[in-house]
Amino acid sequence: MVVLENVHLTLKSRAGEVNILRGIDLAIDTGESVGVVGPSGSGKSTMLAVIAGLERVSAGRVVVAGTEFAGLSEDALALFRRRHVGIVFQSFHLIPAMTALENVAVPMELSGFSDAFDRARAGLAAVGLDGRVDHYPAQLSGGEQQRVALARAFATGPALVLADEPTGNLDTVTGSQIIDLMFEIRAREDTTLVLITHDSAVADRCDRVVHLNDGRIARPTDAAPAAATSGELR
């Protein structure tokens, strides 16, 4: 599902060039769940943005769902995300002027689903919000907003869901409920999941854990399968 080969990302700043990613090699199988952990500033969110096509790499190769990102325009990348990728953010990123139902339906409408609102209602019911479809984000608790974000991320049946600290703005109990829900939906839909978290217990629920440190994969917890090349970190 995801192949990163010798990926580098360097940004310019007033103090000079900043190396964010320093030669990332990573392969993620279809249907696999991968937890990404590491200290703040280690490049976790940047790596997720690269996989989503939201950040252009300085060097290396990025292939997601069989599509190589090199040479794709911003419009082509946006279309790819719409069709294949769901994203869950720490800060929810719901549209304030839209109801829960509209927030979930919009990506499906953009993708051409004729039954977008019916599917959105079903998606909200699946996360326990069938009674809150007409509420705006400001009328919802943090946990409810993240449930809407989950329903939105899985709404189009994406092959890949990327979650960046999805419980970071939630209390422990609510965060645990959101993680349970995410893994439940992911298992039901057989979706590939890449999850950034500071919580080792959450990361350990994934099939595999990848450790990032200073823009590099520090130590994969599982040995590479025999089919992988010797230089490929998994």
C-alpha atoms as a PDB file:
ATOM      1  CA  MET A   1       0.000   0.000   0.000  1.00  0.00           C
ATOM      2  CA  VAL A   2       2.827   2.423   0.876  1.00  0.00           C
ATOM      3  CA  VAL A   3       6.419   2.428  -0.333  1.00  0.00           C
ATOM      4  CA  LEU A   4       8.931   5.076   0.724  1.00  0.00           C
ATOM      5  CA  GLU A   5      12.395   4.667  -0.748  1.00  0.00           C
ATOM      6  CA  ASN A   6      15.280   6.794   0.543  1.00  0.00           C
ATOM      7  CA  VAL A   7      12.928   9.700   1.193  1.00  0.00           C
ATOM      8  CA  HIS A   8      14.483  13.016   2.154  1.00  0.00           C
ATOM      9  CA  LEU A   9      12.712  16.274   2.879  1.00  0.00           C
ATOM     10  CA  THR A  10      14.674  19.473   3.417  1.00  0.00           C
ATOM     11  CA  LEU A  11      13.102  22.853   4.120  1.00  0.00           C
ATOM     12  CA  LYS A  12      14.702  26.264   3.971  1.00  0.00           C
ATOM     13  CA  SER A  13      14.659  28.622   6.931  1.00  0.00           C
ATOM     14  CA  ARG A  14      16.339  31.878   7.879  1.00  0.00           C
ATOM     15  CA  ALA A  15      18.925  29.849   9.760  1.00  0.00           C
ATOM     16  CA  GLY A  16      19.603  27.695   6.713  1.00  0.00           C
ATOM     17  CA  GLU A  17      18.386  24.332   5.490  1.00  0.00           C
ATOM     18  CA  VAL A  18      16.551  22.049   7.917  1.00  0.00           C
ATOM     19  CA  ASN A  19      16.638  18.321   7.228  1.00  0.00           C
ATOM     20  CA  ILE A  20      13.245  16.972   8.321  1.00  0.00           C
ATOM     21  CA  LEU A  21      13.428  13.468   6.823  1.00  0.00           C
ATOM     22  CA  ARG A  22      16.819  11.848   6.303  1.00  0.00           C
ATOM     23  CA  GLY A  23      16.524   8.769   4.127  1.00  0.00           C
ATOM     24  CA  ILE A  24      13.311   7.003   5.100  1.00  0.00           C
ATOM     25  CA  ASP A  25      12.820   3.464   3.770  1.00  0.00           C
ATOM     26  CA  LEU A  26       9.450   1.993   4.661  1.00  0.00           C
ATOM     27  CA  ALA A  27       6.989  -0.487   3.162  1.00  0.00           C
ATOM     28  CA  ILE A  28       3.446  -0.953   4.503  1.00  0.00           C
ATOM     29  CA  ASP A  29       1.333  -3.864   3.317  1.00  0.00           C
ATOM     30  CA  THR A  30      -2.286  -3.587   2.247  1.00  0.00           C
ATOM     31  CA  GLY A  31      -4.549  -4.060   5.258  1.00  0.00           C
ATOM     32  CA  GLU A  32      -1.725  -3.547   7.756  1.00  0.00           C
ATOM     33  CA  SER A  33      -1.905  -1.206  10.740  1.00  0.00           C
ATOM     34  CA  VAL A  34       1.301   0.624  11.626  1.00  0.00           C
ATOM     35  CA  GLY A  35       1.919   2.754  14.699  1.00  0.00           C
ATOM     36  CA  VAL A  36       4.459   5.554  14.307  1.00  0.00           C
ATOM     37  CA  VAL A  37       6.166   6.759  17.479  1.00  0.00           C
ATOM     38  CA  GLY A  38       9.071   9.008  18.378  1.00  0.00           C
ATOM     39  CA  PRO A  39       9.939  12.253  20.147  1.00  0.00           C
ATOM     40  CA  SER A  40       8.449  15.592  19.127  1.00  0.00           C
ATOM     41  CA  GLY A  41      10.238  16.954  16.086  1.00  0.00           C
ATOM     42  CA  SER A  42      11.358  13.529  14.890  1.00  0.00           C
ATOM     43  CA  GLY A  43       9.493  13.864  11.578  1.00  0.00           C
ATOM     44  CA  LYS A  44       6.395  11.775  12.269  1.00  0.00           C
ATOM     45  CA  SER A  45       3.798  14.261  11.023  1.00  0.00           C
ATOM     46  CA  THR A  46       5.991  15.197   8.070  1.00  0.00           C
ATOM     47  CA  MET A  47       6.262  11.556   7.035  1.00  0.00           C
ATOM     48  CA  LEU A  48       2.478  11.248   7.242  1.00  0.00           C
ATOM     49  CA  ALA A  49       2.116  14.379   5.104  1.00  0.00           C
ATOM     50  CA  VAL A  50       4.473  12.858   2.529  1.00  0.00           C
ATOM     51  CA  ILE A  51       2.375   9.677   2.401  1.00  0.00           C
ATOM     52  CA  ALA A  52      -0.733  11.827   1.924  1.00  0.00           C
ATOM     53  CA  GLY A  53       0.889  13.818  -0.858  1.00  0.00           C
ATOM     54  CA  LEU A  54       0.620  17.011   1.191  1.00  0.00           C
ATOM     55  CA  GLU A  55       4.398  17.486   1.273  1.00  0.00           C
ATOM     56  CA  ARG A  56       6.746  17.132  -1.676  1.00  0.00           C
ATOM     57  CA  VAL A  57       9.923  15.190  -0.989  1.00  0.00           C
ATOM     58  CA  SER A  58      13.323  16.660  -1.782  1.00  0.00           C
ATOM     59  CA  ALA A  59      14.634  13.277  -2.892  1.00  0.00           C
ATOM     60  CA  GLY A  60      13.489   9.675  -2.957  1.00  0.00           C
ATOM     61  CA  ARG A  61      10.469   7.766  -4.169  1.00  0.00           C
ATOM     62  CA  VAL A  62       6.889   7.718  -2.860  1.00  0.00           C
ATOM     63  CA  VAL A  63       4.345   5.167  -4.086  1.00  0.00           C
ATOM     64  CA  VAL A  64       0.909   4.860  -2.472  1.00  0.00           C
ATOM     65  CA  ALA A  65      -1.821   2.460  -3.622  1.00  0.00           C
ATOM     66  CA  GLY A  66       0.203   1.772  -6.756  1.00  0.00           C
ATOM     67  CA  THR A  67       0.506   5.458  -7.691  1.00  0.00           C
ATOM     68  CA  GLU A  68       3.913   7.112  -7.844  1.00  0.00           C
ATOM     69  CA  PHE A  69       3.749  10.711  -6.662  1.00  0.00           C
ATOM     70  CA  ALA A  70       6.696  12.043  -8.664  1.00  0.00           C
ATOM     71  CA  GLY A  71       5.457  14.296 -11.442  1.00  0.00           C
ATOM     72  CA  LEU A  72       1.846  14.494 -10.240  1.00  0.00           C
ATOM     73  CA  SER A  73       0.349  17.986 -10.138  1.00  0.00           C
ATOM     74  CA  GLU A  74      -1.252  19.376  -6.982  1.00  0.00           C
ATOM     75  CA  ASP A  75      -4.666  18.822  -8.571  1.00  0.00           C
ATOM     76  CA  ALA A  76      -3.801  15.208  -9.366  1.00  0.00           C
ATOM     77  CA  LEU A  77      -2.599  14.653  -5.797  1.00  0.00           C
ATOM     78  CA  ALA A  78      -5.809  16.177  -4.427  1.00  0.00           C
ATOM     79  CA  LEU A  79      -7.863  13.867  -6.633  1.00  0.00           C
ATOM     80  CA  PHE A  80      -5.788  10.899  -5.477  1.00  0.00           C
ATOM     81  CA  ARG A  81      -6.396  11.764  -1.821  1.00  0.00           C
ATOM     82  CA  ARG A  82     -10.116  12.171  -2.447  1.00  0.00           C
ATOM     83  CA  ARG A  83     -10.328   8.693  -3.943  1.00  0.00           C
ATOM     84  CA  HIS A  84      -7.911   6.710  -1.802  1.00  0.00           C
ATOM     85  CA  VAL A  85      -6.978   8.419   1.490  1.00  0.00           C
ATOM     86  CA  GLY A  86      -8.841   9.338   4.664  1.00  0.00           C
ATOM     87  CA  ILE A  87      -7.152  11.598   7.243  1.00  0.00           C
ATOM     88  CA  VAL A  88      -7.891  12.063  10.944  1.00  0.00           C
ATOM     89  CA  PHE A  89      -6.270  15.096  12.553  1.00  0.00           C
ATOM     90  CA  GLN A  90      -5.558  15.882  16.191  1.00  0.00           C
ATOM     91  CA  SER A  91      -7.554  19.116  15.942  1.00  0.00           C
ATOM     92  CA  PHE A  92     -10.552  17.550  14.134  1.00  0.00           C
ATOM     93  CA  HIS A  93     -10.543  20.093  11.249  1.00  0.00           C
ATOM     94  CA  LEU A  94     -14.302  20.112  10.841  1.00  0.00           C
ATOM     95  CA  ILE A  95     -15.921  22.920   8.872  1.00  0.00           C
ATOM     96  CA  PRO A  96     -17.579  25.152  11.523  1.00  0.00           C
ATOM     97  CA  ALA A  97     -20.395  26.360   9.272  1.00  0.00           C
ATOM     98  CA  MET A  98     -21.486  22.829   8.371  1.00  0.00           C
ATOM     99  CA  THR A  99     -23.464  20.320  10.411  1.00  0.00           C
ATOM    100  CA  ALA A 100     -22.023  16.939  11.341  1.00  0.00           C
ATOM    101  CA  LEU A 101     -23.972  15.424   8.465  1.00  0.00           C
ATOM    102  CA  GLU A 102     -22.654  17.957   5.971  1.00  0.00           C
ATOM    103  CA  ASN A 103     -19.058  17.551   7.194  1.00  0.00           C
ATOM    104  CA  VAL A 104     -19.215  13.824   6.476  1.00  0.00           C
ATOM    105  CA  ALA A 105     -21.169  14.142   3.221  1.00  0.00           C
ATOM    106  CA  VAL A 106     -18.940  16.759   1.563  1.00  0.00           C
ATOM    107  CA  PRO A 107     -16.018  14.459   0.649  1.00  0.00           C
ATOM    108  CA  MET A 108     -18.459  11.943  -0.796  1.00  0.00           C
ATOM    109  CA  GLU A 109     -20.223  14.621  -2.838  1.00  0.00           C
ATOM    110  CA  LEU A 110     -16.850  15.729  -4.179  1.00  0.00           C
ATOM    111  CA  SER A 111     -16.109  12.115  -5.071  1.00  0.00           C
ATOM    112  CA  GLY A 112     -19.361  11.841  -7.015  1.00  0.00           C
ATOM    113  CA  PHE A 113     -21.428   9.682  -4.630  1.00  0.00           C
ATOM    114  CA  SER A 114     -25.091  10.167  -5.536  1.00  0.00           C
ATOM    115  CA  ASP A 115     -26.149   8.899  -2.095  1.00  0.00           C
ATOM    116  CA  ALA A 116     -23.650  10.998  -0.123  1.00  0.00           C
ATOM    117  CA  PHE A 117     -26.103  12.112   2.567  1.00  0.00           C
ATOM    118  CA  ASP A 118     -27.537   8.647   3.089  1.00  0.00           C
ATOM    119  CA  ARG A 119     -24.040   7.243   3.463  1.00  0.00           C
ATOM    120  CA  ALA A 120     -23.114  10.109   5.790  1.00  0.00           C
ATOM    121  CA  ARG A 121     -26.078   9.313   8.042  1.00  0.00           C
ATOM    122  CA  ALA A 122     -25.032   5.662   8.137  1.00  0.00           C
ATOM    123  CA  GLY A 123     -21.444   6.677   8.913  1.00  0.00           C
ATOM    124  CA  LEU A 124     -22.510   8.896  11.797  1.00  0.00           C
ATOM    125  CA  ALA A 125     -24.764   6.149  13.137  1.00  0.00           C
ATOM    126  CA  ALA A 126     -21.782   3.781  13.044  1.00  0.00           C
ATOM    127  CA  VAL A 127     -19.855   6.114  15.381  1.00  0.00           C
ATOM    128  CA  GLY A 128     -22.838   6.589  17.687  1.00  0.00           C
ATOM    129  CA  LEU A 129     -23.897  10.043  16.494  1.00  0.00           C
ATOM    130  CA  ASP A 130     -27.178   9.315  14.746  1.00  0.00           C
ATOM    131  CA  GLY A 131     -28.859  11.755  17.133  1.00  0.00           C
ATOM    132  CA  ARG A 132     -26.393  14.579  16.426  1.00  0.00           C
ATOM    133  CA  VAL A 133     -26.468  14.799  12.629  1.00  0.00           C
ATOM    134  CA  ASP A 134     -27.865  18.347  12.566  1.00  0.00           C
ATOM    135  CA  HIS A 135     -25.492  19.748  15.193  1.00  0.00           C
ATOM    136  CA  TYR A 136     -22.636  22.070  14.297  1.00  0.00           C
ATOM    137  CA  PRO A 137     -19.078  21.419  15.543  1.00  0.00           C
ATOM    138  CA  ALA A 138     -19.384  24.121  18.223  1.00  0.00           C
ATOM    139  CA  GLN A 139     -22.373  22.232  19.633  1.00  0.00           C
ATOM    140  CA  LEU A 140     -20.401  18.992  19.952  1.00  0.00           C
ATOM    141  CA  SER A 141     -17.913  17.859  22.577  1.00  0.00           C
ATOM    142  CA  GLY A 142     -14.318  17.126  21.571  1.00  0.00           C
ATOM    143  CA  GLY A 143     -15.011  13.415  21.532  1.00  0.00           C
ATOM    144  CA  GLU A 144     -18.099  13.901  19.387  1.00  0.00           C
ATOM    145  CA  GLN A 145     -16.157  16.088  16.959  1.00  0.00           C
ATOM    146  CA  GLN A 146     -13.501  13.402  16.602  1.00  0.00           C
ATOM    147  CA  ARG A 147     -16.235  10.824  15.981  1.00  0.00           C
ATOM    148  CA  VAL A 148     -17.472  13.020  13.134  1.00  0.00           C
ATOM    149  CA  ALA A 149     -13.899  13.215  11.843  1.00  0.00           C
ATOM    150  CA  LEU A 150     -13.651   9.413  11.972  1.00  0.00           C
ATOM    151  CA  ALA A 151     -16.906   9.022  10.067  1.00  0.00           C
ATOM    152  CA  ARG A 152     -15.620  11.504   7.477  1.00  0.00           C
ATOM    153  CA  ALA A 153     -12.250   9.754   7.117  1.00  0.00           C
ATOM    154  CA  PHE A 154     -13.838   6.364   6.449  1.00  0.00           C
ATOM    155  CA  ALA A 155     -16.830   7.723   4.494  1.00  0.00           C
ATOM    156  CA  THR A 156     -15.566   7.099   0.975  1.00  0.00           C
ATOM    157  CA  GLY A 157     -14.176   3.640   1.766  1.00  0.00           C
ATOM    158  CA  PRO A 158     -10.541   4.726   1.415  1.00  0.00           C
ATOM    159  CA  ALA A 159      -7.797   2.168   0.953  1.00  0.00           C
ATOM    160  CA  LEU A 160      -5.622   4.056   3.437  1.00  0.00           C
ATOM    161  CA  VAL A 161      -6.406   6.045   6.588  1.00  0.00           C
ATOM    162  CA  LEU A 162      -3.776   8.313   8.154  1.00  0.00           C
ATOM    163  CA  ALA A 163      -4.294   9.397  11.762  1.00  0.00           C
ATOM    164  CA  ASP A 164      -2.095  12.067  13.355  1.00  0.00           C
ATOM    165  CA  GLU A 165      -2.405  11.976  17.162  1.00  0.00           C
ATOM    166  CA  PRO A 166      -6.200  11.488  16.963  1.00  0.00           C
ATOM    167  CA  THR A 167      -6.545  11.492  20.771  1.00  0.00           C
ATOM    168  CA  GLY A 168      -4.169  14.381  21.468  1.00  0.00           C
ATOM    169  CA  ASN A 169      -6.954  16.831  22.332  1.00  0.00           C
ATOM    170  CA  LEU A 170      -9.093  14.359  24.265  1.00  0.00           C
ATOM    171  CA  ASP A 171      -9.184  13.151  27.842  1.00  0.00           C
ATOM    172  CA  THR A 172      -8.015   9.609  28.589  1.00  0.00           C
ATOM    173  CA  VAL A 173     -11.428   7.956  28.678  1.00  0.00           C
ATOM    174  CA  THR A 174     -12.717   9.673  25.545  1.00  0.00           C
ATOM    175  CA  GLY A 175      -9.445   9.041  23.750  1.00  0.00           C
ATOM    176  CA  SER A 176      -9.662   5.337  24.545  1.00  0.00           C
ATOM    177  CA  GLN A 177     -13.184   5.231  23.130  1.00  0.00           C
ATOM    178  CA  ILE A 178     -12.045   6.920  19.920  1.00  0.00           C
ATOM    179  CA  ILE A 179      -9.160   4.474  19.485  1.00  0.00           C
ATOM    180  CA  ASP A 180     -11.467   1.500  20.077  1.00  0.00           C
ATOM    181  CA  LEU A 181     -13.843   2.886  17.472  1.00  0.00           C
ATOM    182  CA  MET A 182     -11.065   3.546  14.968  1.00  0.00           C
ATOM    183  CA  PHE A 183      -9.723   0.000  15.209  1.00  0.00           C
ATOM    184  CA  GLU A 184     -13.237  -1.421  15.039  1.00  0.00           C
ATOM    185  CA  ILE A 185     -14.025   0.436  11.807  1.00  0.00           C
ATOM    186  CA  ARG A 186     -10.591  -0.293  10.376  1.00  0.00           C
ATOM    187  CA  ALA A 187     -11.031  -4.038  10.990  1.00  0.00           C
ATOM    188  CA  ARG A 188     -14.514  -4.036   9.506  1.00  0.00           C
ATOM    189  CA  GLU A 189     -13.438  -2.152   6.395  1.00  0.00           C
ATOM    190  CA  ASP A 190     -10.044  -3.917   6.115  1.00  0.00           C
ATOM    191  CA  THR A 191      -8.405  -0.527   5.748  1.00  0.00           C
ATOM    192  CA  THR A 192      -4.669   0.098   5.892  1.00  0.00           C
ATOM    193  CA  LEU A 193      -3.977   2.364   8.879  1.00  0.00           C
ATOM    194  CA  VAL A 194      -0.960   4.527   9.704  1.00  0.00           C
ATOM    195  CA  LEU A 195      -1.309   5.989  13.194  1.00  0.00           C
ATOM    196  CA  ILE A 196       0.940   8.553  14.878  1.00  0.00           C
ATOM    197  CA  THR A 197       0.760   8.442  18.643  1.00  0.00           C
ATOM    198  CA  HIS A 198       2.751   9.277  21.766  1.00  0.00           C
ATOM    199  CA  ASP A 199       0.913   6.506  23.628  1.00  0.00           C
ATOM    200  CA  SER A 200       2.892   3.254  23.479  1.00  0.00           C
ATOM    201  CA  ALA A 201      -0.195   1.255  24.520  1.00  0.00           C
ATOM    202  CA  VAL A 202      -2.071   2.606  21.488  1.00  0.00           C
ATOM    203  CA  ALA A 203       0.876   1.945  19.178  1.00  0.00           C
ATOM    204  CA  ASP A 204       1.119  -1.628  20.441  1.00  0.00           C
ATOM    205  CA  ARG A 205      -2.422  -2.296  19.211  1.00  0.00           C
ATOM    206  CA  CYS A 206      -1.119  -1.967  15.655  1.00  0.00           C
ATOM    207  CA  ASP A 207       0.339  -4.860  13.688  1.00  0.00           C
ATOM    208  CA  ARG A 208       3.731  -3.148  13.748  1.00  0.00           C
ATOM    209  CA  VAL A 209       5.427  -0.152  15.338  1.00  0.00           C
ATOM    210  CA  VAL A 210       7.884   2.135  13.545  1.00  0.00           C
ATOM    211  CA  HIS A 211      10.174   4.365  15.616  1.00  0.00           C
ATOM    212  CA  LEU A 212      11.314   7.694  14.187  1.00  0.00           C
ATOM    213  CA  ASN A 213      14.153   9.739  15.618  1.00  0.00           C
ATOM    214  CA  ASP A 214      15.764  12.792  14.026  1.00  0.00           C
ATOM    215  CA  GLY A 215      14.142  12.124  10.670  1.00  0.00           C
ATOM    216  CA  ARG A 216      15.235   8.492  10.477  1.00  0.00           C
ATOM    217  CA  ILE A 217      13.653   5.159  11.291  1.00  0.00           C
ATOM    218  CA  ALA A 218      15.449   4.361  14.506  1.00  0.00           C
ATOM    219  CA  ARG A 219      14.564   0.727  15.114  1.00  0.00           C
ATOM    220  CA  PRO A 220      11.725  -1.265  13.567  1.00  0.00           C
ATOM    221  CA  THR A 221      10.262  -3.617  16.168  1.00  0.00           C
ATOM    222  CA  ASP A 222       9.708  -6.487  13.761  1.00  0.00           C
ATOM    223  CA  ALA A 223      12.237  -8.145  11.526  1.00  0.00           C
ATOM    224  CA  ALA A 224      11.667  -7.680   7.808  1.00  0.00           C
ATOM    225  CA  PRO A 225       9.852 -10.558   6.084  1.00  0.00           C
ATOM    226  CA  ALA A 226      11.969 -12.834   3.932  1.00  0.00           C
ATOM    227  CA  ALA A 227      10.429 -11.297   0.797  1.00  0.00           C
ATOM    228  CA  ALA A 228      11.811  -7.868   1.686  1.00  0.00           C
ATOM    229  CA  THR A 229      15.231  -6.769   0.497  1.00  0.00           C
ATOM    230  CA  SER A 230      18.009  -6.521   3.034  1.00  0.00           C
ATOM    231  CA  GLY A 231      18.044  -2.728   2.800  1.00  0.00           C
ATOM    232  CA  GLU A 232      14.316  -2.296   3.415  1.00  0.00           C
ATOM    233  CA  LEU A 233      13.176  -1.333   6.878  1.00  0.00           C
ATOM    234  CA  ARG A 234       9.678  -2.558   7.700  1.00  0.00           C
END
